Amino acid sequence: MDEIFSETGTPAGWFLLIAGYDDLPGLPHGLPEIPPEVFDYLKAHKRRKLTPEELADLKRRLRLLYEAGPGAKVEEEEPFDREETPGEGDEEEENEVVLGARIPIPTETFLEELSVRLEVHPVSVYWLLKELREKEGAVCLPELRRYTDE
């Protein structure tokens, strides 16, 4: 299983939920109810409690990615929970061979793309985005243009 994930990446739904940003959002009127198994799965899913500094950093990175839009190349730091010492992995990068290169499975939605890039569960990304949009006025101009063009 680890070999598969090293080549394709971790599925978005397998990332940790962020404590406080972990409830399922309500469904629009007219859609069928969510099966109870989904609630059971999310109830048992691992969560991470962030310090205020970690949460602020995660929101900053999310805002940067969100405002750049889907597929945008944004220079970003490593995921907020990954520690790496300077120079670590430099030799490996120089000696990398194209064979066995990591080819991630393409994301289907912008939310999933954000989730994978931040390594945070999509449910938590949804709530963080909602908060950024409502409280801080974050806007994704490429998505707004696409929406108004249609």
C-alpha atoms as a PDB file:
ATOM      1  CA  MET A   1       0.000   0.000   0.000  1.00  0.00           C
ATOM      2  CA  ASP A   2       2.837   2.411   0.853  1.00  0.00           C
ATOM      3  CA  GLU A   3       4.364   1.798  -2.580  1.00  0.00           C
ATOM      4  CA  ILE A   4       1.121   2.857  -4.264  1.00  0.00           C
ATOM      5  CA  PHE A   5       0.849   6.030  -2.192  1.00  0.00           C
ATOM      6  CA  SER A   6       4.486   6.902  -2.840  1.00  0.00           C
ATOM      7  CA  GLU A   7       3.710   6.853  -6.567  1.00  0.00           C
ATOM      8  CA  THR A   8       0.187   8.317  -6.648  1.00  0.00           C
ATOM      9  CA  GLY A   9      -0.070  10.371  -3.475  1.00  0.00           C
ATOM     10  CA  THR A  10      -2.425  10.119  -0.529  1.00  0.00           C
ATOM     11  CA  PRO A  11      -6.156  10.389  -1.296  1.00  0.00           C
ATOM     12  CA  ALA A  12      -7.589  13.671  -0.007  1.00  0.00           C
ATOM     13  CA  GLY A  13     -10.093  11.925   2.266  1.00  0.00           C
ATOM     14  CA  TRP A  14      -7.294  10.179   4.136  1.00  0.00           C
ATOM     15  CA  PHE A  15      -5.702  13.364   5.459  1.00  0.00           C
ATOM     16  CA  LEU A  16      -6.347  14.374   9.059  1.00  0.00           C
ATOM     17  CA  LEU A  17      -9.321  16.515   9.967  1.00  0.00           C
ATOM     18  CA  ILE A  18      -8.603  19.731  11.833  1.00  0.00           C
ATOM     19  CA  ALA A  19     -10.307  19.857  15.244  1.00  0.00           C
ATOM     20  CA  GLY A  20     -13.039  22.501  15.195  1.00  0.00           C
ATOM     21  CA  TYR A  21     -13.324  22.290  11.401  1.00  0.00           C
ATOM     22  CA  ASP A  22     -14.590  18.741  11.205  1.00  0.00           C
ATOM     23  CA  ASP A  23     -18.400  18.630  10.853  1.00  0.00           C
ATOM     24  CA  LEU A  24     -20.053  17.654   7.615  1.00  0.00           C
ATOM     25  CA  PRO A  25     -21.658  20.659   5.924  1.00  0.00           C
ATOM     26  CA  GLY A  26     -25.398  20.476   5.311  1.00  0.00           C
ATOM     27  CA  LEU A  27     -26.661  19.384   1.924  1.00  0.00           C
ATOM     28  CA  PRO A  28     -28.785  21.614  -0.315  1.00  0.00           C
ATOM     29  CA  HIS A  29     -32.521  20.995  -0.205  1.00  0.00           C
ATOM     30  CA  GLY A  30     -33.668  18.175  -2.457  1.00  0.00           C
ATOM     31  CA  LEU A  31     -30.585  15.963  -2.249  1.00  0.00           C
ATOM     32  CA  PRO A  32     -30.815  12.578  -0.542  1.00  0.00           C
ATOM     33  CA  GLU A  33     -29.685  12.294   3.064  1.00  0.00           C
ATOM     34  CA  ILE A  34     -26.128  11.359   3.911  1.00  0.00           C
ATOM     35  CA  PRO A  35     -25.823   7.682   4.885  1.00  0.00           C
ATOM     36  CA  PRO A  36     -25.131   7.146   8.615  1.00  0.00           C
ATOM     37  CA  GLU A  37     -21.940   5.244   7.730  1.00  0.00           C
ATOM     38  CA  VAL A  38     -20.390   8.501   6.544  1.00  0.00           C
ATOM     39  CA  PHE A  39     -21.035  10.124   9.936  1.00  0.00           C
ATOM     40  CA  ASP A  40     -19.606   7.048  11.692  1.00  0.00           C
ATOM     41  CA  TYR A  41     -16.489   7.193   9.524  1.00  0.00           C
ATOM     42  CA  LEU A  42     -15.946  10.902  10.179  1.00  0.00           C
ATOM     43  CA  LYS A  43     -16.594  10.469  13.901  1.00  0.00           C
ATOM     44  CA  ALA A  44     -13.782   7.888  14.062  1.00  0.00           C
ATOM     45  CA  HIS A  45     -11.438   9.766  11.672  1.00  0.00           C
ATOM     46  CA  LYS A  46      -8.243  11.114  13.241  1.00  0.00           C
ATOM     47  CA  ARG A  47      -8.107  14.808  14.043  1.00  0.00           C
ATOM     48  CA  ARG A  48      -5.319  17.233  14.714  1.00  0.00           C
ATOM     49  CA  LYS A  49      -5.590  20.120  17.128  1.00  0.00           C
ATOM     50  CA  LEU A  50      -3.623  23.102  15.852  1.00  0.00           C
ATOM     51  CA  THR A  51      -1.977  25.815  17.878  1.00  0.00           C
ATOM     52  CA  PRO A  52      -3.150  29.350  17.030  1.00  0.00           C
ATOM     53  CA  GLU A  53       0.116  29.890  15.110  1.00  0.00           C
ATOM     54  CA  GLU A  54      -0.324  26.687  13.073  1.00  0.00           C
ATOM     55  CA  LEU A  55      -3.935  27.590  12.307  1.00  0.00           C
ATOM     56  CA  ALA A  56      -2.939  31.089  11.193  1.00  0.00           C
ATOM     57  CA  ASP A  57      -0.203  29.636   8.952  1.00  0.00           C
ATOM     58  CA  LEU A  58      -2.622  27.105   7.454  1.00  0.00           C
ATOM     59  CA  LYS A  59      -5.172  29.846   6.738  1.00  0.00           C
ATOM     60  CA  ARG A  60      -2.480  32.019   5.167  1.00  0.00           C
ATOM     61  CA  ARG A  61      -1.389  29.200   2.861  1.00  0.00           C
ATOM     62  CA  LEU A  62      -4.996  28.304   2.015  1.00  0.00           C
ATOM     63  CA  ARG A  63      -5.799  31.909   1.152  1.00  0.00           C
ATOM     64  CA  LEU A  64      -2.733  32.136  -1.082  1.00  0.00           C
ATOM     65  CA  LEU A  65      -3.698  28.966  -2.979  1.00  0.00           C
ATOM     66  CA  TYR A  66      -7.400  29.853  -3.132  1.00  0.00           C
ATOM     67  CA  GLU A  67      -6.859  33.351  -4.484  1.00  0.00           C
ATOM     68  CA  ALA A  68      -4.414  32.045  -7.116  1.00  0.00           C
ATOM     69  CA  GLY A  69      -7.096  29.692  -8.454  1.00  0.00           C
ATOM     70  CA  PRO A  70      -7.254  26.088  -9.679  1.00  0.00           C
ATOM     71  CA  GLY A  71      -4.053  24.710 -11.140  1.00  0.00           C
ATOM     72  CA  ALA A  72      -2.049  27.853 -10.386  1.00  0.00           C
ATOM     73  CA  LYS A  73       1.634  27.455  -9.691  1.00  0.00           C
ATOM     74  CA  VAL A  74       2.162  29.059  -6.314  1.00  0.00           C
ATOM     75  CA  GLU A  75       5.447  28.989  -4.479  1.00  0.00           C
ATOM     76  CA  GLU A  76       4.549  27.710  -1.087  1.00  0.00           C
ATOM     77  CA  GLU A  77       6.315  26.411   1.947  1.00  0.00           C
ATOM     78  CA  GLU A  78       6.224  22.787   3.037  1.00  0.00           C
ATOM     79  CA  PRO A  79       2.981  21.567   4.678  1.00  0.00           C
ATOM     80  CA  PHE A  80       2.455  23.159   8.073  1.00  0.00           C
ATOM     81  CA  ASP A  81       3.117  19.975  10.056  1.00  0.00           C
ATOM     82  CA  ARG A  82       6.240  18.784   8.278  1.00  0.00           C
ATOM     83  CA  GLU A  83       9.610  19.533   9.809  1.00  0.00           C
ATOM     84  CA  GLU A  84      12.718  19.258   7.688  1.00  0.00           C
ATOM     85  CA  THR A  85      16.284  20.174   8.422  1.00  0.00           C
ATOM     86  CA  PRO A  86      18.146  22.395   5.957  1.00  0.00           C
ATOM     87  CA  GLY A  87      19.877  20.400   3.244  1.00  0.00           C
ATOM     88  CA  GLU A  88      17.851  17.261   3.975  1.00  0.00           C
ATOM     89  CA  GLY A  89      17.040  15.413   0.785  1.00  0.00           C
ATOM     90  CA  ASP A  90      19.310  17.575  -1.407  1.00  0.00           C
ATOM     91  CA  GLU A  91      21.456  14.633  -2.508  1.00  0.00           C
ATOM     92  CA  GLU A  92      18.414  12.544  -3.328  1.00  0.00           C
ATOM     93  CA  GLU A  93      16.995  15.303  -5.530  1.00  0.00           C
ATOM     94  CA  GLU A  94      20.225  15.533  -7.523  1.00  0.00           C
ATOM     95  CA  ASN A  95      20.304  11.763  -8.090  1.00  0.00           C
ATOM     96  CA  GLU A  96      16.603  11.264  -8.856  1.00  0.00           C
ATOM     97  CA  VAL A  97      15.786   9.094 -11.821  1.00  0.00           C
ATOM     98  CA  VAL A  98      12.696   9.693 -13.941  1.00  0.00           C
ATOM     99  CA  LEU A  99      11.792   6.018 -13.661  1.00  0.00           C
ATOM    100  CA  GLY A 100       9.556   5.545 -10.637  1.00  0.00           C
ATOM    101  CA  ALA A 101       8.728   9.234 -10.555  1.00  0.00           C
ATOM    102  CA  ARG A 102       5.736  10.259  -8.479  1.00  0.00           C
ATOM    103  CA  ILE A 103       2.712  10.691 -10.724  1.00  0.00           C
ATOM    104  CA  PRO A 104      -0.196  11.856  -8.561  1.00  0.00           C
ATOM    105  CA  ILE A 105      -3.769  11.028  -9.475  1.00  0.00           C
ATOM    106  CA  PRO A 106      -5.331  14.249 -10.830  1.00  0.00           C
ATOM    107  CA  THR A 107      -7.804  15.987  -8.534  1.00  0.00           C
ATOM    108  CA  GLU A 108     -11.402  16.349  -9.697  1.00  0.00           C
ATOM    109  CA  THR A 109     -12.362  19.579  -7.927  1.00  0.00           C
ATOM    110  CA  PHE A 110     -10.684  22.745  -6.713  1.00  0.00           C
ATOM    111  CA  LEU A 111     -11.545  21.788  -3.118  1.00  0.00           C
ATOM    112  CA  GLU A 112      -9.786  18.439  -3.573  1.00  0.00           C
ATOM    113  CA  GLU A 113      -6.786  20.208  -5.139  1.00  0.00           C
ATOM    114  CA  LEU A 114      -6.536  22.527  -2.120  1.00  0.00           C
ATOM    115  CA  SER A 115      -6.896  19.573   0.230  1.00  0.00           C
ATOM    116  CA  VAL A 116      -4.087  17.630  -1.440  1.00  0.00           C
ATOM    117  CA  ARG A 117      -1.749  20.619  -1.616  1.00  0.00           C
ATOM    118  CA  LEU A 118      -2.317  21.460   2.064  1.00  0.00           C
ATOM    119  CA  GLU A 119      -2.486  17.806   3.180  1.00  0.00           C
ATOM    120  CA  VAL A 120      -5.691  18.499   5.123  1.00  0.00           C
ATOM    121  CA  HIS A 121      -9.018  16.623   4.895  1.00  0.00           C
ATOM    122  CA  PRO A 122     -11.482  18.240   2.416  1.00  0.00           C
ATOM    123  CA  VAL A 123     -14.135  18.735   5.117  1.00  0.00           C
ATOM    124  CA  SER A 124     -11.707  20.876   7.118  1.00  0.00           C
ATOM    125  CA  VAL A 125     -10.641  22.767   3.979  1.00  0.00           C
ATOM    126  CA  TYR A 126     -14.330  23.506   3.262  1.00  0.00           C
ATOM    127  CA  TRP A 127     -14.869  25.086   6.707  1.00  0.00           C
ATOM    128  CA  LEU A 128     -11.584  26.991   6.623  1.00  0.00           C
ATOM    129  CA  LEU A 129     -12.473  28.389   3.181  1.00  0.00           C
ATOM    130  CA  LYS A 130     -15.951  29.327   4.336  1.00  0.00           C
ATOM    131  CA  GLU A 131     -14.440  31.211   7.258  1.00  0.00           C
ATOM    132  CA  LEU A 132     -11.877  32.975   5.029  1.00  0.00           C
ATOM    133  CA  ARG A 133     -14.574  34.026   2.568  1.00  0.00           C
ATOM    134  CA  GLU A 134     -17.090  35.237   5.152  1.00  0.00           C
ATOM    135  CA  LYS A 135     -14.803  36.853   7.722  1.00  0.00           C
ATOM    136  CA  GLU A 136     -11.852  37.998   5.625  1.00  0.00           C
ATOM    137  CA  GLY A 137     -13.437  38.476   2.215  1.00  0.00           C
ATOM    138  CA  ALA A 138     -11.173  36.023   0.370  1.00  0.00           C
ATOM    139  CA  VAL A 139     -12.090  35.752  -3.317  1.00  0.00           C
ATOM    140  CA  CYS A 140     -10.859  33.426  -6.037  1.00  0.00           C
ATOM    141  CA  LEU A 141     -10.840  35.733  -9.074  1.00  0.00           C
ATOM    142  CA  PRO A 142     -10.300  32.944 -11.657  1.00  0.00           C
ATOM    143  CA  GLU A 143     -13.354  31.081 -10.323  1.00  0.00           C
ATOM    144  CA  LEU A 144     -15.389  34.293 -10.125  1.00  0.00           C
ATOM    145  CA  ARG A 145     -14.533  35.054 -13.771  1.00  0.00           C
ATOM    146  CA  ARG A 146     -15.431  31.510 -14.822  1.00  0.00           C
ATOM    147  CA  TYR A 147     -18.731  31.727 -12.941  1.00  0.00           C
ATOM    148  CA  THR A 148     -19.698  35.096 -14.435  1.00  0.00           C
ATOM    149  CA  ASP A 149     -18.692  34.003 -17.944  1.00  0.00           C
ATOM    150  CA  GLU A 150     -21.119  31.104 -17.758  1.00  0.00           C
END
